[in-house]
Amino acid sequence: MQGLFEYRLDGNGDALVLNINLDATSANALVRLDRYINWEDVLKLTENDPEAARAAERLHTVLHHLGR
C-alpha cells in the first residue's frame, strides 16, 4: 500500500506557506528516514550558510516530532 504524501507551497519571496498532508504510513516512513540522516554532517556542510543550517534544524525538529 502506498502512503499518502501531498504538499502545497503557496506564496513567493519571504512569504511562503507550506502545507503537508500525509497518512500514518508516510509519517512513519519519514521518522525512519530521520534515523539515517547524519544531522551533524548536514550542519557541518551548512556552516557557511546560516539560512540552510536553520532550515536543516527545523526539518530535523519536524521529523523528530512526527515520531512522538
N, C-alpha and C. Protein backbone atom coordinates (compact mmCIF):
# COMPACT_ATOMS: atom_id res chain seq x y z
N MET A 1 0.84 -1.19 0.00
CA MET A 1 0.00 0.00 0.00
C MET A 1 0.88 1.24 0.00
N GLN A 2 0.57 2.16 -0.86
CA GLN A 2 1.34 3.39 -0.95
C GLN A 2 0.73 4.43 -0.02
N GLY A 3 1.58 5.08 0.77
CA GLY A 3 1.11 6.08 1.72
C GLY A 3 0.81 7.40 1.04
N LEU A 4 -0.07 8.15 1.66
CA LEU A 4 -0.45 9.47 1.16
C LEU A 4 0.57 10.50 1.60
N PHE A 5 1.12 11.25 0.66
CA PHE A 5 2.01 12.35 0.96
C PHE A 5 1.79 13.42 -0.09
N GLU A 6 1.18 14.51 0.31
CA GLU A 6 0.93 15.63 -0.60
C GLU A 6 1.44 16.90 0.06
N TYR A 7 1.93 17.80 -0.74
CA TYR A 7 2.33 19.09 -0.20
C TYR A 7 1.91 20.20 -1.13
N ARG A 8 1.75 21.37 -0.57
CA ARG A 8 1.37 22.55 -1.35
C ARG A 8 2.17 23.73 -0.82
N LEU A 9 2.78 24.44 -1.72
CA LEU A 9 3.58 25.62 -1.39
C LEU A 9 2.90 26.83 -1.99
N ASP A 10 2.50 27.76 -1.13
CA ASP A 10 1.81 28.96 -1.58
C ASP A 10 2.64 30.19 -1.25
N GLY A 11 2.53 31.20 -2.09
CA GLY A 11 3.21 32.46 -1.85
C GLY A 11 4.46 32.58 -2.68
N ASN A 12 5.24 33.61 -2.37
CA ASN A 12 6.51 33.81 -3.05
C ASN A 12 7.41 34.69 -2.19
N GLY A 13 8.67 34.74 -2.54
CA GLY A 13 9.61 35.53 -1.76
C GLY A 13 9.72 35.00 -0.34
N ASP A 14 9.67 35.91 0.63
CA ASP A 14 9.78 35.53 2.03
C ASP A 14 8.45 35.11 2.64
N ALA A 15 7.36 35.27 1.91
CA ALA A 15 6.03 34.94 2.43
C ALA A 15 5.56 33.63 1.83
N LEU A 16 6.04 32.52 2.38
CA LEU A 16 5.67 31.20 1.88
C LEU A 16 4.91 30.43 2.94
N VAL A 17 3.97 29.63 2.49
CA VAL A 17 3.23 28.74 3.37
C VAL A 17 3.35 27.34 2.80
N LEU A 18 3.78 26.40 3.63
CA LEU A 18 3.92 25.02 3.21
C LEU A 18 2.88 24.19 3.96
N ASN A 19 2.01 23.52 3.22
CA ASN A 19 1.01 22.62 3.80
C ASN A 19 1.37 21.20 3.41
N ILE A 20 1.43 20.31 4.39
CA ILE A 20 1.75 18.90 4.13
C ILE A 20 0.61 18.05 4.64
N ASN A 21 0.14 17.15 3.79
CA ASN A 21 -0.92 16.21 4.14
C ASN A 21 -0.35 14.81 3.95
N LEU A 22 -0.28 14.02 5.04
CA LEU A 22 0.25 12.68 4.92
C LEU A 22 -0.48 11.75 5.86
N ASP A 23 -0.44 10.47 5.54
CA ASP A 23 -1.07 9.48 6.39
C ASP A 23 -0.04 8.87 7.34
N ALA A 24 -0.48 8.00 8.22
CA ALA A 24 0.40 7.42 9.23
C ALA A 24 1.55 6.62 8.60
N THR A 25 1.27 5.96 7.48
CA THR A 25 2.32 5.18 6.82
C THR A 25 3.46 6.08 6.37
N SER A 26 3.12 7.20 5.73
CA SER A 26 4.15 8.14 5.27
C SER A 26 4.86 8.81 6.45
N ALA A 27 4.12 9.13 7.50
CA ALA A 27 4.73 9.74 8.68
C ALA A 27 5.73 8.80 9.31
N ASN A 28 5.39 7.54 9.43
CA ASN A 28 6.31 6.55 10.00
C ASN A 28 7.54 6.38 9.12
N ALA A 29 7.36 6.42 7.80
CA ALA A 29 8.50 6.31 6.89
C ALA A 29 9.43 7.51 7.04
N LEU A 30 8.88 8.71 7.21
CA LEU A 30 9.71 9.90 7.41
C LEU A 30 10.47 9.83 8.72
N VAL A 31 9.84 9.29 9.75
CA VAL A 31 10.52 9.12 11.04
C VAL A 31 11.70 8.16 10.87
N ARG A 32 11.50 7.08 10.16
CA ARG A 32 12.61 6.14 9.92
C ARG A 32 13.71 6.79 9.10
N LEU A 33 13.33 7.59 8.12
CA LEU A 33 14.32 8.29 7.30
C LEU A 33 15.19 9.20 8.15
N ASP A 34 14.59 9.85 9.14
CA ASP A 34 15.33 10.74 10.03
C ASP A 34 16.48 10.02 10.71
N ARG A 35 16.30 8.75 10.99
CA ARG A 35 17.36 7.98 11.66
C ARG A 35 18.59 7.77 10.77
N TYR A 36 18.40 7.82 9.45
CA TYR A 36 19.50 7.58 8.52
C TYR A 36 20.27 8.84 8.15
N ILE A 37 19.73 9.98 8.48
CA ILE A 37 20.38 11.24 8.14
C ILE A 37 21.37 11.60 9.23
N ASN A 38 22.60 11.85 8.87
CA ASN A 38 23.61 12.28 9.84
C ASN A 38 23.53 13.80 9.94
N TRP A 39 22.76 14.27 10.91
CA TRP A 39 22.49 15.70 11.03
C TRP A 39 23.74 16.48 11.38
N GLU A 40 24.68 15.86 12.07
CA GLU A 40 25.94 16.54 12.38
C GLU A 40 26.68 16.89 11.09
N ASP A 41 26.72 15.94 10.15
CA ASP A 41 27.36 16.21 8.86
C ASP A 41 26.62 17.28 8.08
N VAL A 42 25.28 17.26 8.12
CA VAL A 42 24.49 18.26 7.42
C VAL A 42 24.83 19.66 7.96
N LEU A 43 24.89 19.77 9.28
CA LEU A 43 25.20 21.08 9.88
C LEU A 43 26.62 21.53 9.56
N LYS A 44 27.57 20.58 9.49
CA LYS A 44 28.93 20.94 9.09
C LYS A 44 28.95 21.47 7.66
N LEU A 45 28.19 20.83 6.77
CA LEU A 45 28.15 21.24 5.37
C LEU A 45 27.48 22.61 5.20
N THR A 46 26.62 22.98 6.14
CA THR A 46 25.90 24.24 6.01
C THR A 46 26.44 25.33 6.93
N GLU A 47 27.62 25.11 7.52
CA GLU A 47 28.14 26.09 8.48
C GLU A 47 28.39 27.46 7.86
N ASN A 48 28.63 27.52 6.56
CA ASN A 48 28.83 28.81 5.89
C ASN A 48 27.55 29.37 5.30
N ASP A 49 26.44 28.70 5.56
CA ASP A 49 25.14 29.12 5.05
C ASP A 49 24.13 29.06 6.19
N PRO A 50 24.05 30.11 7.00
CA PRO A 50 23.18 30.08 8.19
C PRO A 50 21.72 29.79 7.88
N GLU A 51 21.22 30.28 6.76
CA GLU A 51 19.81 30.02 6.42
C GLU A 51 19.58 28.54 6.15
N ALA A 52 20.49 27.91 5.44
CA ALA A 52 20.36 26.48 5.17
C ALA A 52 20.50 25.68 6.46
N ALA A 53 21.38 26.10 7.36
CA ALA A 53 21.55 25.42 8.64
C ALA A 53 20.27 25.51 9.46
N ARG A 54 19.63 26.67 9.49
CA ARG A 54 18.37 26.82 10.23
C ARG A 54 17.27 25.96 9.61
N ALA A 55 17.24 25.90 8.29
CA ALA A 55 16.24 25.06 7.62
C ALA A 55 16.47 23.58 7.95
N ALA A 56 17.73 23.15 7.98
CA ALA A 56 18.04 21.76 8.32
C ALA A 56 17.63 21.46 9.76
N GLU A 57 17.89 22.39 10.66
CA GLU A 57 17.49 22.20 12.06
C GLU A 57 15.98 22.09 12.20
N ARG A 58 15.27 22.92 11.46
CA ARG A 58 13.80 22.87 11.51
C ARG A 58 13.28 21.56 10.94
N LEU A 59 13.87 21.11 9.84
CA LEU A 59 13.45 19.83 9.25
C LEU A 59 13.69 18.69 10.24
N HIS A 60 14.84 18.69 10.87
CA HIS A 60 15.14 17.66 11.87
C HIS A 60 14.12 17.69 13.00
N THR A 61 13.76 18.88 13.46
CA THR A 61 12.77 19.02 14.53
C THR A 61 11.42 18.47 14.11
N VAL A 62 11.00 18.80 12.90
CA VAL A 62 9.71 18.31 12.40
C VAL A 62 9.71 16.78 12.32
N LEU A 63 10.76 16.20 11.75
CA LEU A 63 10.83 14.74 11.63
C LEU A 63 10.86 14.10 13.00
N HIS A 64 11.56 14.72 13.94
CA HIS A 64 11.64 14.19 15.31
C HIS A 64 10.25 14.20 15.96
N HIS A 65 9.50 15.27 15.77
CA HIS A 65 8.16 15.37 16.38
C HIS A 65 7.16 14.41 15.74
N LEU A 66 7.37 14.05 14.49
CA LEU A 66 6.50 13.06 13.86
C LEU A 66 6.59 11.72 14.57
N GLY A 67 7.74 11.44 15.15
CA GLY A 67 7.96 10.17 15.82
C GLY A 67 7.34 10.07 17.20
N ARG A 68 6.78 11.16 17.69
CA ARG A 68 6.19 11.13 19.04
C ARG A 68 4.76 10.66 19.01
